[in-house]
């Protein structure tokens, strides 16, 4: 089954006719088609989330909160917990408020009585 799928893939691509049948890579001079993946996903009904750096900020906050759980002296644990909590909350607020406002702006027109389920 895998062999027939590979043969179908190889035979479907017209650029593959220019290279040996054993080559997995195409020649450098073969023209690469430009694919708009966002438009293609929209045509297929697939929702792509925009890339975001906020999950990394949340993970850094969780790191400091995790370090606060280690039995260090009291002042160090409190300091790590405060720093970790601040970074964590900044990441959550940034992801929820900043990204959502950018993804779903509030100035969209009203539905005018349309009901969507």
C-alpha atoms as a PDB file:
ATOM      1  CA  UNK A   1       0.000   0.000   0.000  1.00  0.00           C
ATOM      2  CA  UNK A   2       2.821   2.408   0.852  1.00  0.00           C
ATOM      3  CA  UNK A   3       4.590   1.601  -2.392  1.00  0.00           C
ATOM      4  CA  UNK A   4       1.494   2.279  -4.484  1.00  0.00           C
ATOM      5  CA  UNK A   5       0.893   5.551  -2.612  1.00  0.00           C
ATOM      6  CA  UNK A   6       4.486   6.600  -3.258  1.00  0.00           C
ATOM      7  CA  UNK A   7       4.145   5.737  -6.946  1.00  0.00           C
ATOM      8  CA  UNK A   8       0.884   7.685  -7.190  1.00  0.00           C
ATOM      9  CA  UNK A   9       2.494  10.693  -5.485  1.00  0.00           C
ATOM     10  CA  UNK A  10       5.531  10.495  -7.744  1.00  0.00           C
ATOM     11  CA  UNK A  11       3.415  10.102 -10.882  1.00  0.00           C
ATOM     12  CA  UNK A  12       0.992  12.898  -9.986  1.00  0.00           C
ATOM     13  CA  UNK A  13       3.703  15.548  -9.827  1.00  0.00           C
ATOM     14  CA  UNK A  14       4.637  16.628 -13.370  1.00  0.00           C
ATOM     15  CA  UNK A  15       7.981  17.981 -12.172  1.00  0.00           C
ATOM     16  CA  UNK A  16       8.967  14.445 -11.192  1.00  0.00           C
ATOM     17  CA  UNK A  17       9.149  13.547 -14.891  1.00  0.00           C
ATOM     18  CA  UNK A  18      12.283  15.713 -15.159  1.00  0.00           C
ATOM     19  CA  UNK A  19      14.318  13.682 -12.636  1.00  0.00           C
ATOM     20  CA  UNK A  20      15.194  10.052 -12.062  1.00  0.00           C
ATOM     21  CA  UNK A  21      12.482   7.889 -10.571  1.00  0.00           C
ATOM     22  CA  UNK A  22      14.789   7.052  -7.676  1.00  0.00           C
ATOM     23  CA  UNK A  23      15.372  10.691  -6.672  1.00  0.00           C
ATOM     24  CA  UNK A  24      13.403  11.932  -3.703  1.00  0.00           C
ATOM     25  CA  UNK A  25      14.548  15.534  -4.185  1.00  0.00           C
ATOM     26  CA  UNK A  26      13.883  17.640  -7.249  1.00  0.00           C
ATOM     27  CA  UNK A  27      16.543  19.521  -9.170  1.00  0.00           C
ATOM     28  CA  UNK A  28      17.331  23.010  -7.980  1.00  0.00           C
ATOM     29  CA  UNK A  29      16.249  24.561 -11.282  1.00  0.00           C
ATOM     30  CA  UNK A  30      12.788  22.976 -11.134  1.00  0.00           C
ATOM     31  CA  UNK A  31      10.241  25.684 -10.396  1.00  0.00           C
ATOM     32  CA  UNK A  32       8.623  25.455  -6.986  1.00  0.00           C
ATOM     33  CA  UNK A  33       4.906  26.156  -6.917  1.00  0.00           C
ATOM     34  CA  UNK A  34       3.833  28.911  -4.545  1.00  0.00           C
ATOM     35  CA  UNK A  35       1.183  27.657  -2.145  1.00  0.00           C
ATOM     36  CA  UNK A  36      -0.852  29.978   0.061  1.00  0.00           C
ATOM     37  CA  UNK A  37      -1.473  27.631   2.969  1.00  0.00           C
ATOM     38  CA  UNK A  38      -3.793  30.034   4.796  1.00  0.00           C
ATOM     39  CA  UNK A  39      -6.042  30.410   1.744  1.00  0.00           C
ATOM     40  CA  UNK A  40      -5.984  26.651   1.145  1.00  0.00           C
ATOM     41  CA  UNK A  41      -6.913  25.967   4.774  1.00  0.00           C
ATOM     42  CA  UNK A  42      -9.749  28.501   4.520  1.00  0.00           C
ATOM     43  CA  UNK A  43     -11.055  26.714   1.400  1.00  0.00           C
ATOM     44  CA  UNK A  44     -11.006  23.410   3.273  1.00  0.00           C
ATOM     45  CA  UNK A  45     -12.724  24.912   6.302  1.00  0.00           C
ATOM     46  CA  UNK A  46      -9.720  24.543   8.576  1.00  0.00           C
ATOM     47  CA  UNK A  47      -9.159  27.276  11.149  1.00  0.00           C
ATOM     48  CA  UNK A  48      -5.508  28.232  11.639  1.00  0.00           C
ATOM     49  CA  UNK A  49      -4.622  30.142  14.767  1.00  0.00           C
ATOM     50  CA  UNK A  50      -2.133  32.972  14.340  1.00  0.00           C
ATOM     51  CA  UNK A  51       1.299  32.316  15.755  1.00  0.00           C
ATOM     52  CA  UNK A  52       1.798  33.632  19.258  1.00  0.00           C
ATOM     53  CA  UNK A  53       4.697  34.004  21.678  1.00  0.00           C
ATOM     54  CA  UNK A  54       2.478  34.234  24.749  1.00  0.00           C
ATOM     55  CA  UNK A  55       2.552  30.479  25.513  1.00  0.00           C
ATOM     56  CA  UNK A  56       6.337  30.773  25.924  1.00  0.00           C
ATOM     57  CA  UNK A  57       5.866  33.624  28.406  1.00  0.00           C
ATOM     58  CA  UNK A  58       3.353  31.501  30.315  1.00  0.00           C
ATOM     59  CA  UNK A  59       5.845  28.611  30.424  1.00  0.00           C
ATOM     60  CA  UNK A  60       8.574  30.890  31.793  1.00  0.00           C
ATOM     61  CA  UNK A  61       6.179  32.005  34.520  1.00  0.00           C
ATOM     62  CA  UNK A  62       5.395  28.369  35.301  1.00  0.00           C
ATOM     63  CA  UNK A  63       9.145  27.691  35.530  1.00  0.00           C
ATOM     64  CA  UNK A  64       9.568  30.334  38.225  1.00  0.00           C
ATOM     65  CA  UNK A  65       6.461  29.089  40.029  1.00  0.00           C
ATOM     66  CA  UNK A  66       7.899  25.575  39.923  1.00  0.00           C
ATOM     67  CA  UNK A  67      11.220  26.831  41.277  1.00  0.00           C
ATOM     68  CA  UNK A  68       9.294  28.446  44.151  1.00  0.00           C
ATOM     69  CA  UNK A  69       8.109  24.967  45.163  1.00  0.00           C
ATOM     70  CA  UNK A  70      11.698  23.843  45.825  1.00  0.00           C
ATOM     71  CA  UNK A  71      12.610  24.115  49.536  1.00  0.00           C
ATOM     72  CA  UNK A  72      14.799  27.230  49.323  1.00  0.00           C
ATOM     73  CA  UNK A  73      14.905  29.789  52.141  1.00  0.00           C
ATOM     74  CA  UNK A  74      11.575  31.587  52.659  1.00  0.00           C
ATOM     75  CA  UNK A  75      12.556  34.918  51.047  1.00  0.00           C
ATOM     76  CA  UNK A  76      13.828  33.203  47.878  1.00  0.00           C
ATOM     77  CA  UNK A  77      10.656  31.120  47.563  1.00  0.00           C
ATOM     78  CA  UNK A  78       8.440  34.159  48.009  1.00  0.00           C
ATOM     79  CA  UNK A  79      10.511  36.128  45.486  1.00  0.00           C
ATOM     80  CA  UNK A  80      10.357  33.322  42.920  1.00  0.00           C
ATOM     81  CA  UNK A  81       6.619  32.932  43.466  1.00  0.00           C
ATOM     82  CA  UNK A  82       5.988  36.657  43.014  1.00  0.00           C
ATOM     83  CA  UNK A  83       8.144  36.887  39.873  1.00  0.00           C
ATOM     84  CA  UNK A  84       6.666  33.672  38.458  1.00  0.00           C
ATOM     85  CA  UNK A  85       3.115  34.747  39.237  1.00  0.00           C
ATOM     86  CA  UNK A  86       3.638  38.134  37.600  1.00  0.00           C
ATOM     87  CA  UNK A  87       5.167  36.608  34.449  1.00  0.00           C
ATOM     88  CA  UNK A  88       2.459  33.931  34.301  1.00  0.00           C
ATOM     89  CA  UNK A  89      -0.364  36.455  34.667  1.00  0.00           C
ATOM     90  CA  UNK A  90       1.254  38.781  32.117  1.00  0.00           C
ATOM     91  CA  UNK A  91       1.364  35.877  29.650  1.00  0.00           C
ATOM     92  CA  UNK A  92      -2.262  34.896  30.252  1.00  0.00           C
ATOM     93  CA  UNK A  93      -3.496  38.491  29.998  1.00  0.00           C
ATOM     94  CA  UNK A  94      -1.408  39.076  26.879  1.00  0.00           C
ATOM     95  CA  UNK A  95      -2.643  35.920  25.208  1.00  0.00           C
ATOM     96  CA  UNK A  96      -6.292  36.424  26.106  1.00  0.00           C
ATOM     97  CA  UNK A  97      -6.609  40.188  25.700  1.00  0.00           C
ATOM     98  CA  UNK A  98      -3.957  41.149  23.149  1.00  0.00           C
ATOM     99  CA  UNK A  99      -4.281  38.142  20.835  1.00  0.00           C
ATOM    100  CA  UNK A 100      -8.087  37.962  21.033  1.00  0.00           C
ATOM    101  CA  UNK A 101      -8.452  41.655  20.258  1.00  0.00           C
ATOM    102  CA  UNK A 102      -6.123  41.273  17.298  1.00  0.00           C
ATOM    103  CA  UNK A 103      -7.894  38.116  16.057  1.00  0.00           C
ATOM    104  CA  UNK A 104     -11.459  39.275  16.711  1.00  0.00           C
ATOM    105  CA  UNK A 105     -11.699  43.075  16.512  1.00  0.00           C
ATOM    106  CA  UNK A 106     -14.672  44.610  18.294  1.00  0.00           C
ATOM    107  CA  UNK A 107     -15.695  46.923  15.467  1.00  0.00           C
ATOM    108  CA  UNK A 108     -17.297  44.163  13.386  1.00  0.00           C
ATOM    109  CA  UNK A 109     -20.841  44.883  12.170  1.00  0.00           C
ATOM    110  CA  UNK A 110     -23.758  43.456  14.122  1.00  0.00           C
ATOM    111  CA  UNK A 111     -25.563  40.330  12.940  1.00  0.00           C
ATOM    112  CA  UNK A 112     -28.863  42.254  12.420  1.00  0.00           C
ATOM    113  CA  UNK A 113     -31.090  39.538  13.765  1.00  0.00           C
ATOM    114  CA  UNK A 114     -29.200  36.593  12.293  1.00  0.00           C
ATOM    115  CA  UNK A 115     -28.872  33.681  14.643  1.00  0.00           C
ATOM    116  CA  UNK A 116     -25.867  31.387  14.350  1.00  0.00           C
ATOM    117  CA  UNK A 117     -25.765  28.090  16.164  1.00  0.00           C
END
